Amino acid sequence: MKRSYIVYTTIFAVVSGLILCILLVFSKPETLAQIQETFMKIETQSKHQAAVKQVPPKMPSSIPNPEEPLIQDVQQMLYDDSIGSYLVVTEDYHFFEVSGTGERINASFQLKGDDKLLLAGLDGMTLVDGETVALLTSNQILVTIKRKDGVWSEETREKLEGATIRDNFRGLGYDAEKKEFYTINHIRSLERVELTYFKMKQDEVKIDPDATEKQKRKLKKKQKQPRLTIVKRSRVDAADGMRTDAKKAFTDNFSPIGLAERQGRIYTLDSNALYLYSIDVKEKTITGESASPKVYGAEGIFVQDNELFALVETDKFSSRSFTPID
């Protein structure tokens, strides 16, 4: 009888402990959000890998010489942890998806020329979602690239309205909640640094409910098509307590390279002055810390598995083309 009592008491204690543990852990919204995000990533990767197998690569899946670069003349790249792949754009606007090991090209396509909207140098590249990538050129053209059934192709090409000759955009990010893009804007002539936000916007045409059908049709015809336009400019200033050397470099000759978002902060690199800058979006302040000399001459930054990397060797893509910053 005593032995049975001990067994039942132990089982009850273990079950009660498990129930309490589950209630305490899974009752937190942030925990549930992380679990949901993890399962979504697993599902996305599974679907993507299945699609990749159906679409044979247009280039060799392996390189005989390990010293030979997989891709040459890299312009910008980023890592998509939702599909576990690198996305690379070359100087001639050839787009590649490379496996997470960096050894195999999963898919590629060449962006075609456009008589109306020619593409200049690439200033920014970001993920809109696991199936969509956006590129921002130095002549303020936003190119949207989308994947369907494992195949990447260009979807739209829009000219940004509201930009001025003084604007100097560096990097590109996307706010999924507000459905708007943002970029670091260093306006040298005004000695001003700001976050510039833009998105697709359509002017609303007010129609009188009492108007006739003919009048309503006439007003609708006057309505302009949706257009990509700047919606907000937010100045960024040096934070209190920022190191003197970093503040001086920011004030005197700030040259941001790339944009990466991690844990609610925006990071940019100045590889000429060797500083990594972090922008607090809510406070609209920026702080800077010394970066390692190994990132000198870097052309961009990106996040991989929550770690910041600098793109150093842009003439080729290999495991040595980028290095961790922190």
Protein backbone atom coordinates (compact mmCIF):
# COMPACT_ATOMS: atom_id res chain seq x y z
CA MET A 1 0.00 0.00 0.00
CA LYS A 2 2.82 2.37 0.93
CA ARG A 3 4.68 1.57 -2.30
CA SER A 4 1.56 2.28 -4.41
CA TYR A 5 1.11 5.60 -2.58
CA ILE A 6 4.68 6.63 -3.41
CA VAL A 7 4.27 5.64 -7.09
CA TYR A 8 0.97 7.50 -7.50
CA THR A 9 2.34 10.56 -5.67
CA THR A 10 5.41 10.61 -7.92
CA ILE A 11 3.31 10.28 -11.10
CA PHE A 12 0.99 13.05 -9.91
CA ALA A 13 3.94 15.33 -9.12
CA VAL A 14 5.55 14.71 -12.54
CA VAL A 15 2.30 15.26 -14.47
CA SER A 16 1.50 18.40 -12.44
CA GLY A 17 5.00 19.71 -13.06
CA LEU A 18 4.72 19.13 -16.80
CA ILE A 19 1.33 20.85 -16.93
CA LEU A 20 2.63 23.85 -14.96
CA CYS A 21 5.75 24.02 -17.14
CA ILE A 22 3.67 23.96 -20.34
CA LEU A 23 1.29 26.61 -18.98
CA LEU A 24 4.11 28.90 -17.85
CA VAL A 25 6.21 28.56 -21.00
CA PHE A 26 3.53 28.52 -23.67
CA SER A 27 1.45 31.26 -22.05
CA LYS A 28 4.07 33.86 -23.04
CA PRO A 29 3.17 35.56 -26.38
CA GLU A 30 6.83 35.93 -27.40
CA THR A 31 7.44 32.19 -26.86
CA LEU A 32 4.42 31.25 -28.95
CA ALA A 33 5.54 33.70 -31.65
CA GLN A 34 9.04 32.14 -31.75
CA ILE A 35 7.61 28.62 -31.96
CA GLN A 36 5.22 29.66 -34.72
CA GLU A 37 8.04 31.38 -36.62
CA THR A 38 10.23 28.26 -36.35
CA PHE A 39 7.50 25.98 -37.71
CA MET A 40 6.80 28.46 -40.53
CA LYS A 41 10.50 28.45 -41.48
CA ILE A 42 10.56 24.64 -41.47
CA GLU A 43 7.45 24.53 -43.67
CA THR A 44 8.87 27.16 -46.06
CA GLN A 45 12.20 25.36 -46.36
CA SER A 46 10.47 22.01 -46.99
CA LYS A 47 8.30 23.49 -49.74
CA HIS A 48 11.25 25.30 -51.26
CA GLN A 49 13.53 22.26 -51.31
CA ALA A 50 10.76 20.24 -52.97
CA ALA A 51 10.36 22.95 -55.62
CA VAL A 52 14.12 23.21 -56.21
CA LYS A 53 14.30 19.50 -57.01
CA GLN A 54 11.71 20.04 -59.73
CA VAL A 55 13.70 22.86 -61.34
CA PRO A 56 17.16 21.74 -62.50
CA PRO A 57 19.90 24.40 -62.13
CA LYS A 58 20.98 26.19 -65.30
CA MET A 59 24.62 25.95 -64.23
CA PRO A 60 26.78 23.07 -62.98
CA SER A 61 25.83 21.91 -59.48
CA SER A 62 29.46 21.45 -58.52
CA ILE A 63 32.71 23.24 -59.27
CA PRO A 64 35.69 20.96 -60.09
CA ASN A 65 38.25 23.44 -58.78
CA PRO A 66 37.45 24.54 -55.18
CA GLU A 67 39.48 27.73 -55.72
CA GLU A 68 37.34 28.74 -58.70
CA PRO A 69 34.55 31.14 -57.63
CA LEU A 70 30.99 29.94 -58.00
CA ILE A 71 29.82 33.41 -59.11
CA GLN A 72 31.96 36.33 -60.28
CA ASP A 73 31.48 40.13 -60.12
CA VAL A 74 29.12 40.08 -57.15
CA GLN A 75 27.28 43.37 -56.68
CA GLN A 76 25.22 42.55 -53.56
CA MET A 77 23.91 39.55 -51.68
CA LEU A 78 21.89 38.54 -48.66
CA TYR A 79 21.01 35.39 -46.77
CA ASP A 80 17.41 34.19 -46.50
CA ASP A 81 17.07 32.07 -43.36
CA SER A 82 13.47 31.19 -44.28
CA ILE A 83 14.74 29.08 -47.19
CA GLY A 84 18.34 28.63 -46.02
CA SER A 85 19.85 30.09 -49.19
CA TYR A 86 22.01 32.98 -50.39
CA LEU A 87 20.56 35.42 -52.92
CA VAL A 88 23.18 37.08 -55.11
CA VAL A 89 23.06 39.82 -57.77
CA THR A 90 26.05 40.40 -60.06
CA GLU A 91 27.24 43.59 -61.76
CA ASP A 92 25.34 42.72 -64.94
CA TYR A 93 22.15 42.04 -62.96
CA HIS A 94 22.26 38.27 -63.07
CA PHE A 95 20.28 36.92 -60.11
CA PHE A 96 21.31 33.69 -58.33
CA GLU A 97 19.97 31.57 -55.53
CA VAL A 98 22.81 29.61 -53.91
CA SER A 99 22.48 26.75 -51.44
CA GLY A 100 23.17 27.42 -47.75
CA THR A 101 26.51 25.60 -48.03
CA GLY A 102 27.55 28.02 -50.77
CA GLU A 103 28.48 25.16 -53.11
CA ARG A 104 25.50 24.82 -55.46
CA ILE A 105 23.45 27.20 -57.60
CA ASN A 106 19.80 26.31 -57.11
CA ALA A 107 18.38 28.76 -59.66
CA SER A 108 19.35 31.81 -61.71
CA PHE A 109 17.98 34.25 -64.24
CA GLN A 110 19.09 37.38 -66.08
CA LEU A 111 17.20 40.64 -65.55
CA LYS A 112 16.28 42.02 -68.94
CA GLY A 113 16.89 45.56 -70.15
CA ASP A 114 14.10 48.11 -70.13
CA ASP A 115 14.03 51.04 -72.57
CA LYS A 116 12.15 53.23 -70.07
CA LEU A 117 13.64 52.18 -66.72
CA LEU A 118 17.33 51.34 -67.14
CA LEU A 119 19.09 50.00 -64.05
CA ALA A 120 22.06 51.86 -62.58
CA GLY A 121 24.27 50.56 -59.76
CA LEU A 122 22.59 48.58 -56.99
CA ASP A 123 22.37 50.39 -53.64
CA GLY A 124 20.13 48.05 -51.64
CA MET A 125 18.65 44.56 -51.53
CA THR A 126 16.09 43.17 -49.08
CA LEU A 127 13.56 40.41 -48.46
CA VAL A 128 9.90 41.31 -48.65
CA ASP A 129 8.99 37.74 -47.71
CA GLY A 130 10.35 34.23 -48.33
CA GLU A 131 9.17 34.40 -51.94
CA THR A 132 9.94 38.03 -52.82
CA VAL A 133 13.13 40.12 -53.07
CA ALA A 134 13.40 43.85 -53.79
CA LEU A 135 16.36 45.76 -55.28
CA LEU A 136 16.95 49.52 -55.08
CA THR A 137 19.19 51.13 -57.70
CA SER A 138 21.16 54.37 -57.43
CA ASN A 139 18.76 56.02 -59.89
CA GLN A 140 15.87 55.24 -57.50
CA ILE A 141 14.27 52.31 -59.29
CA LEU A 142 12.75 49.52 -57.21
CA VAL A 143 12.85 46.08 -58.83
CA THR A 144 10.69 43.31 -57.38
CA ILE A 145 11.75 39.70 -57.98
CA LYS A 146 9.38 36.88 -57.10
CA ARG A 147 9.66 33.09 -56.92
CA LYS A 148 6.86 30.83 -58.08
CA ASP A 149 7.13 27.04 -58.15
CA GLY A 150 10.88 27.30 -57.51
CA VAL A 151 11.48 29.69 -60.43
CA TRP A 152 12.63 33.30 -59.88
CA SER A 153 11.51 36.05 -62.27
CA GLU A 154 11.13 39.82 -62.31
CA GLU A 155 7.68 41.00 -61.31
CA THR A 156 7.69 44.82 -61.37
CA ARG A 157 9.99 47.80 -61.92
CA GLU A 158 8.92 51.13 -60.38
CA LYS A 159 10.50 54.59 -60.35
CA LEU A 160 10.56 56.21 -56.90
CA GLU A 161 8.76 59.56 -56.72
CA GLY A 162 9.62 62.31 -54.24
CA ALA A 163 13.41 61.84 -54.27
CA THR A 164 15.69 64.83 -54.86
CA ILE A 165 19.13 65.26 -56.38
CA ARG A 166 20.55 65.65 -52.84
CA ASP A 167 19.34 62.23 -51.67
CA ASN A 168 21.99 59.55 -51.28
CA PHE A 169 20.37 56.21 -50.46
CA ARG A 170 22.35 53.34 -48.94
CA GLY A 171 20.86 49.94 -48.22
CA LEU A 172 17.27 48.75 -48.27
CA GLY A 173 14.93 47.34 -45.63
CA TYR A 174 11.27 46.37 -45.46
CA ASP A 175 8.69 46.84 -42.70
CA ALA A 176 6.19 44.01 -43.20
CA GLU A 177 3.74 45.45 -40.67
CA LYS A 178 3.49 48.84 -42.39
CA LYS A 179 4.20 47.39 -45.84
CA GLU A 180 6.79 50.02 -46.59
CA PHE A 181 10.46 50.12 -47.58
CA TYR A 182 13.14 52.19 -45.88
CA THR A 183 16.70 53.23 -46.64
CA ILE A 184 19.53 55.13 -44.94
CA ASN A 185 19.80 58.54 -46.58
CA HIS A 186 22.98 60.58 -46.13
CA ILE A 187 22.33 64.09 -47.46
CA ARG A 188 25.87 65.46 -47.52
CA SER A 189 24.92 68.99 -48.60
CA LEU A 190 22.77 69.38 -45.46
CA GLU A 191 25.04 67.28 -43.20
CA ARG A 192 21.94 65.26 -42.39
CA VAL A 193 21.33 61.53 -41.97
CA GLU A 194 17.79 60.21 -42.10
CA LEU A 195 15.69 57.10 -42.60
CA THR A 196 13.63 57.60 -45.72
CA TYR A 197 10.43 55.52 -46.03
CA PHE A 198 8.55 54.79 -49.25
CA LYS A 199 5.77 52.51 -50.47
CA MET A 200 3.14 52.02 -53.16
CA LYS A 201 0.45 54.65 -52.68
CA GLN A 202 -2.73 55.63 -54.47
CA ASP A 203 -4.54 58.94 -54.08
CA GLU A 204 -8.15 58.56 -53.03
CA VAL A 205 -10.74 60.26 -55.21
CA LYS A 206 -13.72 61.51 -53.24
CA ILE A 207 -16.95 60.66 -55.03
CA ASP A 208 -20.24 62.26 -54.02
CA PRO A 209 -22.74 59.50 -53.15
CA ASP A 210 -25.41 61.53 -54.92
CA ALA A 211 -23.40 61.77 -58.14
CA THR A 212 -24.75 60.14 -61.27
CA GLU A 213 -23.18 56.97 -62.67
CA LYS A 214 -21.73 59.01 -65.51
CA GLN A 215 -20.11 61.46 -63.07
CA LYS A 216 -18.72 58.57 -60.98
CA ARG A 217 -17.16 56.93 -64.05
CA LYS A 218 -15.62 60.26 -65.07
CA LEU A 219 -14.06 60.73 -61.62
CA LYS A 220 -12.74 57.15 -61.55
CA LYS A 221 -11.02 57.73 -64.89
CA LYS A 222 -9.17 60.68 -63.38
CA GLN A 223 -7.83 58.55 -60.56
CA LYS A 224 -4.08 57.96 -60.90
CA GLN A 225 -2.53 54.51 -60.85
CA PRO A 226 -0.73 53.38 -57.65
CA ARG A 227 2.81 54.78 -57.56
CA LEU A 228 5.96 54.27 -55.52
CA THR A 229 6.49 57.40 -53.44
CA ILE A 230 8.34 58.68 -50.37
CA VAL A 231 5.95 58.86 -47.40
CA LYS A 232 8.22 59.89 -44.50
CA ARG A 233 11.67 61.22 -43.65
CA SER A 234 13.01 60.74 -40.11
CA ARG A 235 16.23 62.45 -39.09
CA VAL A 236 18.81 60.36 -37.20
CA ASP A 237 21.17 62.03 -34.71
CA ALA A 238 24.17 60.81 -32.72
CA ALA A 239 23.13 59.24 -29.42
CA ASP A 240 24.21 60.67 -26.07
CA GLY A 241 27.26 58.86 -24.78
CA MET A 242 28.45 57.84 -28.23
CA ARG A 243 32.21 57.37 -28.33
CA THR A 244 34.07 60.52 -29.37
CA ASP A 245 35.92 58.89 -32.27
CA ALA A 246 32.78 57.21 -33.64
CA LYS A 247 30.79 60.43 -33.27
CA LYS A 248 33.47 62.43 -35.09
CA ALA A 249 33.54 59.91 -37.96
CA PHE A 250 29.73 60.04 -38.13
CA THR A 251 29.69 63.84 -38.11
CA ASP A 252 32.62 64.48 -40.44
CA ASN A 253 32.43 61.84 -43.15
CA PHE A 254 29.73 59.23 -42.65
CA SER A 255 29.75 56.72 -45.52
CA PRO A 256 27.17 54.01 -44.80
CA ILE A 257 27.46 50.69 -46.63
CA GLY A 258 24.47 48.38 -46.68
CA LEU A 259 21.63 47.92 -44.23
CA ALA A 260 20.75 44.97 -42.01
CA GLU A 261 17.91 44.68 -39.49
CA ARG A 262 18.42 42.58 -36.35
CA GLN A 263 16.40 42.49 -33.12
CA GLY A 264 14.64 45.75 -33.87
CA ARG A 265 17.77 47.75 -34.71
CA ILE A 266 19.19 48.80 -38.07
CA TYR A 267 22.88 48.22 -38.70
CA THR A 268 25.13 49.80 -41.30
CA LEU A 269 28.88 49.59 -41.87
CA ASP A 270 31.42 52.28 -42.67
CA SER A 271 34.33 50.17 -43.81
CA ASN A 272 36.46 53.18 -44.76
CA ALA A 273 36.43 54.51 -41.20
CA LEU A 274 36.00 50.98 -39.76
CA TYR A 275 32.87 51.58 -37.67
CA LEU A 276 29.73 49.52 -37.27
CA TYR A 277 26.75 51.78 -36.63
CA SER A 278 23.47 50.82 -34.97
CA ILE A 279 20.28 52.86 -35.38
CA ASP A 280 17.53 52.87 -32.76
CA VAL A 281 14.41 53.29 -34.89
CA LYS A 282 12.18 54.46 -32.02
CA GLU A 283 14.61 56.99 -30.56
CA LYS A 284 15.95 58.02 -33.99
CA THR A 285 19.51 57.87 -32.66
CA ILE A 286 22.68 56.18 -33.89
CA THR A 287 25.65 54.72 -32.03
CA GLY A 288 28.95 53.44 -33.38
CA GLU A 289 31.58 50.92 -32.38
CA SER A 290 34.95 50.10 -33.90
CA ALA A 291 34.91 47.36 -36.52
CA SER A 292 37.74 44.95 -37.20
CA PRO A 293 40.26 45.89 -39.94
CA LYS A 294 39.36 42.61 -41.64
CA VAL A 295 36.17 44.28 -42.95
CA TYR A 296 38.06 47.17 -44.55
CA GLY A 297 36.88 47.71 -48.10
CA ALA A 298 33.61 45.83 -47.55
CA GLU A 299 30.75 46.63 -49.93
CA GLY A 300 27.77 45.57 -47.84
CA ILE A 301 26.42 43.68 -44.83
CA PHE A 302 23.77 41.04 -44.22
CA VAL A 303 22.38 38.88 -41.41
CA GLN A 304 22.77 35.11 -41.34
CA ASP A 305 21.28 33.14 -38.45
CA ASN A 306 21.11 36.36 -36.38
CA GLU A 307 24.81 37.13 -36.94
CA LEU A 308 26.11 40.14 -38.88
CA PHE A 309 28.44 39.54 -41.83
CA ALA A 310 30.32 41.91 -44.12
CA LEU A 311 30.57 41.24 -47.85
CA VAL A 312 34.28 41.74 -48.47
CA GLU A 313 35.34 40.17 -51.77
CA THR A 314 32.76 41.39 -54.26
CA ASP A 315 34.59 40.12 -57.34
CA LYS A 316 33.51 36.58 -56.47
CA PHE A 317 31.22 34.47 -54.31
CA SER A 318 32.87 31.87 -52.07
CA SER A 319 33.03 30.93 -48.40
CA ARG A 320 35.76 33.56 -48.05
CA SER A 321 33.72 36.34 -49.64
CA PHE A 322 32.25 37.45 -46.33
CA THR A 323 33.35 37.62 -42.73
CA PRO A 324 31.55 38.03 -39.36
CA ILE A 325 31.54 41.58 -37.99
CA ASP A 326 30.67 40.85 -34.37
